[in-house]
Amino acid sequence: MTTVIVTHDREFSQRRRRNAVGRHLWLNCEQFHAEGLLSQHLDDVIELLGSRPNVVVAMSRNGLEMYGRWD
């Protein structure tokens, strides 16, 4: 089983971007847009989160970005 932290918390997510530990999905959008964006990008989010043990994926209306240590 893989654990992923999913949050809208900008400050926490920015700290994780600088030092990714574990898998983290930052919903960098208004909460009411999150469900639609996640269903639109779900396959890509799963692929990116599964690609590294320490990664932050930021999802916004502009798409996805990936940050992290490249173990």
N, C-alpha and C. Protein backbone atom coordinates (compact mmCIF):
# COMPACT_ATOMS: atom_id res chain seq x y z
N MET A 1 0.83 -1.17 0.00
CA MET A 1 0.00 0.00 0.00
C MET A 1 0.88 1.25 0.00
N THR A 2 0.51 2.24 -0.79
CA THR A 2 1.24 3.49 -0.88
C THR A 2 0.43 4.59 -0.23
N THR A 3 1.08 5.37 0.61
CA THR A 3 0.42 6.49 1.26
C THR A 3 0.74 7.77 0.49
N VAL A 4 -0.28 8.58 0.25
CA VAL A 4 -0.12 9.86 -0.42
C VAL A 4 -0.82 10.92 0.43
N ILE A 5 -0.12 11.99 0.73
CA ILE A 5 -0.74 13.12 1.41
C ILE A 5 -1.35 14.01 0.34
N VAL A 6 -2.64 14.32 0.49
CA VAL A 6 -3.36 15.18 -0.45
C VAL A 6 -3.82 16.40 0.32
N THR A 7 -3.47 17.61 -0.17
CA THR A 7 -3.79 18.82 0.57
C THR A 7 -3.94 20.03 -0.34
N HIS A 8 -4.63 21.03 0.18
CA HIS A 8 -4.69 22.36 -0.44
C HIS A 8 -3.73 23.32 0.26
N ASP A 9 -3.06 22.88 1.31
CA ASP A 9 -2.22 23.74 2.15
C ASP A 9 -0.97 24.20 1.39
N ARG A 10 -0.96 25.46 0.99
CA ARG A 10 0.13 26.03 0.18
C ARG A 10 1.46 26.03 0.94
N GLU A 11 1.47 26.51 2.18
CA GLU A 11 2.71 26.60 2.94
C GLU A 11 3.35 25.23 3.13
N PHE A 12 2.56 24.26 3.56
CA PHE A 12 3.07 22.90 3.75
C PHE A 12 3.61 22.34 2.43
N SER A 13 2.88 22.54 1.36
CA SER A 13 3.28 22.01 0.06
C SER A 13 4.55 22.66 -0.45
N GLN A 14 4.72 23.94 -0.22
CA GLN A 14 5.95 24.60 -0.64
C GLN A 14 7.16 24.08 0.14
N ARG A 15 6.97 23.78 1.43
CA ARG A 15 8.07 23.16 2.20
C ARG A 15 8.40 21.79 1.64
N ARG A 16 7.38 21.01 1.30
CA ARG A 16 7.60 19.67 0.74
C ARG A 16 8.28 19.76 -0.62
N ARG A 17 7.97 20.77 -1.40
CA ARG A 17 8.63 20.93 -2.70
C ARG A 17 10.13 21.10 -2.52
N ARG A 18 10.54 21.82 -1.48
CA ARG A 18 11.97 22.03 -1.23
C ARG A 18 12.65 20.78 -0.70
N ASN A 19 11.89 19.94 -0.01
CA ASN A 19 12.46 18.73 0.59
C ASN A 19 11.40 17.63 0.57
N ALA A 20 11.22 17.04 -0.59
CA ALA A 20 10.18 16.02 -0.74
C ALA A 20 10.52 14.78 0.07
N VAL A 21 9.61 14.40 0.93
CA VAL A 21 9.73 13.16 1.70
C VAL A 21 8.40 12.46 1.56
N GLY A 22 8.39 11.31 0.94
CA GLY A 22 7.16 10.59 0.69
C GLY A 22 6.44 11.14 -0.54
N ARG A 23 5.21 10.73 -0.71
CA ARG A 23 4.42 11.13 -1.87
C ARG A 23 3.36 12.14 -1.43
N HIS A 24 3.25 13.21 -2.21
CA HIS A 24 2.43 14.34 -1.81
C HIS A 24 1.72 14.90 -3.04
N LEU A 25 0.42 15.12 -2.95
CA LEU A 25 -0.35 15.75 -4.01
C LEU A 25 -0.86 17.08 -3.49
N TRP A 26 -0.40 18.16 -4.11
CA TRP A 26 -0.82 19.50 -3.74
C TRP A 26 -1.90 19.95 -4.71
N LEU A 27 -3.09 20.14 -4.21
CA LEU A 27 -4.21 20.63 -5.00
C LEU A 27 -4.12 22.16 -5.00
N ASN A 28 -3.37 22.69 -5.94
CA ASN A 28 -3.11 24.12 -6.04
C ASN A 28 -4.24 24.76 -6.85
N CYS A 29 -5.44 24.72 -6.27
CA CYS A 29 -6.64 25.23 -6.94
C CYS A 29 -7.69 25.51 -5.88
N GLU A 30 -8.74 26.16 -6.29
CA GLU A 30 -9.88 26.36 -5.38
C GLU A 30 -10.48 24.99 -5.06
N GLN A 31 -10.96 24.83 -3.84
CA GLN A 31 -11.48 23.53 -3.43
C GLN A 31 -12.61 23.05 -4.33
N PHE A 32 -13.45 23.96 -4.81
CA PHE A 32 -14.57 23.53 -5.64
C PHE A 32 -14.14 23.08 -7.03
N HIS A 33 -12.88 23.35 -7.44
CA HIS A 33 -12.36 22.86 -8.72
C HIS A 33 -11.63 21.53 -8.60
N ALA A 34 -11.28 21.15 -7.38
CA ALA A 34 -10.41 19.98 -7.15
C ALA A 34 -10.98 18.69 -7.71
N GLU A 35 -12.24 18.41 -7.47
CA GLU A 35 -12.82 17.14 -7.93
C GLU A 35 -12.74 17.02 -9.45
N GLY A 36 -13.12 18.05 -10.17
CA GLY A 36 -13.09 18.01 -11.63
C GLY A 36 -11.68 17.89 -12.17
N LEU A 37 -10.74 18.65 -11.59
CA LEU A 37 -9.35 18.58 -12.03
C LEU A 37 -8.75 17.22 -11.75
N LEU A 38 -9.05 16.68 -10.58
CA LEU A 38 -8.50 15.38 -10.23
C LEU A 38 -9.04 14.29 -11.16
N SER A 39 -10.32 14.33 -11.46
CA SER A 39 -10.85 13.31 -12.36
C SER A 39 -10.28 13.49 -13.78
N GLN A 40 -10.00 14.71 -14.17
CA GLN A 40 -9.41 14.98 -15.48
C GLN A 40 -7.97 14.48 -15.58
N HIS A 41 -7.21 14.58 -14.49
CA HIS A 41 -5.77 14.25 -14.50
C HIS A 41 -5.43 13.00 -13.70
N LEU A 42 -6.41 12.23 -13.27
CA LEU A 42 -6.16 11.13 -12.33
C LEU A 42 -5.11 10.14 -12.83
N ASP A 43 -5.20 9.69 -14.07
CA ASP A 43 -4.23 8.71 -14.58
C ASP A 43 -2.81 9.27 -14.52
N ASP A 44 -2.63 10.53 -14.91
CA ASP A 44 -1.30 11.14 -14.87
C ASP A 44 -0.81 11.35 -13.44
N VAL A 45 -1.71 11.73 -12.53
CA VAL A 45 -1.35 11.90 -11.12
C VAL A 45 -0.85 10.58 -10.55
N ILE A 46 -1.58 9.51 -10.81
CA ILE A 46 -1.18 8.18 -10.31
C ILE A 46 0.18 7.78 -10.87
N GLU A 47 0.39 8.02 -12.15
CA GLU A 47 1.68 7.67 -12.77
C GLU A 47 2.83 8.47 -12.15
N LEU A 48 2.65 9.77 -11.98
CA LEU A 48 3.71 10.60 -11.41
C LEU A 48 3.99 10.25 -9.96
N LEU A 49 2.94 10.04 -9.17
CA LEU A 49 3.14 9.68 -7.76
C LEU A 49 3.81 8.33 -7.62
N GLY A 50 3.58 7.43 -8.55
CA GLY A 50 4.19 6.11 -8.50
C GLY A 50 5.59 6.06 -9.07
N SER A 51 6.03 7.15 -9.69
CA SER A 51 7.32 7.14 -10.38
C SER A 51 8.51 7.31 -9.44
N ARG A 52 8.30 7.84 -8.25
CA ARG A 52 9.38 8.11 -7.30
C ARG A 52 8.87 7.89 -5.88
N PRO A 53 9.75 7.48 -4.97
CA PRO A 53 9.32 7.32 -3.57
C PRO A 53 9.17 8.66 -2.85
N ASN A 54 9.85 9.71 -3.33
CA ASN A 54 9.80 11.03 -2.71
C ASN A 54 9.49 12.06 -3.79
N VAL A 55 8.23 12.47 -3.84
CA VAL A 55 7.81 13.35 -4.92
C VAL A 55 6.62 14.21 -4.48
N VAL A 56 6.57 15.42 -5.02
CA VAL A 56 5.42 16.29 -4.85
C VAL A 56 4.85 16.54 -6.24
N VAL A 57 3.57 16.28 -6.41
CA VAL A 57 2.88 16.60 -7.64
C VAL A 57 1.93 17.75 -7.33
N ALA A 58 2.09 18.85 -8.07
CA ALA A 58 1.21 20.01 -7.91
C ALA A 58 0.21 19.99 -9.05
N MET A 59 -1.07 20.01 -8.71
CA MET A 59 -2.12 20.00 -9.71
C MET A 59 -2.84 21.34 -9.66
N SER A 60 -2.91 22.00 -10.80
CA SER A 60 -3.61 23.28 -10.88
C SER A 60 -4.41 23.31 -12.19
N ARG A 61 -5.09 24.41 -12.41
CA ARG A 61 -5.85 24.55 -13.65
C ARG A 61 -4.93 24.59 -14.86
N ASN A 62 -3.62 24.83 -14.63
CA ASN A 62 -2.63 24.85 -15.71
C ASN A 62 -2.04 23.48 -15.99
N GLY A 63 -2.43 22.46 -15.22
CA GLY A 63 -1.90 21.11 -15.42
C GLY A 63 -1.16 20.60 -14.20
N LEU A 64 -0.17 19.73 -14.46
CA LEU A 64 0.58 19.07 -13.39
C LEU A 64 2.05 19.48 -13.45
N GLU A 65 2.66 19.58 -12.27
CA GLU A 65 4.11 19.79 -12.15
C GLU A 65 4.62 18.80 -11.11
N MET A 66 5.85 18.35 -11.29
CA MET A 66 6.43 17.37 -10.38
C MET A 66 7.71 17.95 -9.79
N TYR A 67 7.89 17.77 -8.47
CA TYR A 67 9.05 18.24 -7.75
C TYR A 67 9.54 17.12 -6.85
N GLY A 68 10.82 17.12 -6.54
CA GLY A 68 11.28 16.17 -5.53
C GLY A 68 12.73 15.78 -5.68
N ARG A 69 13.14 14.98 -4.73
CA ARG A 69 14.47 14.38 -4.78
C ARG A 69 14.39 13.26 -5.80
N TRP A 70 15.39 13.14 -6.59
CA TRP A 70 15.37 12.13 -7.65
C TRP A 70 16.23 10.95 -7.23
N ASP A 71 15.65 10.12 -6.33
CA ASP A 71 16.35 8.94 -5.78
C ASP A 71 16.63 7.94 -6.87
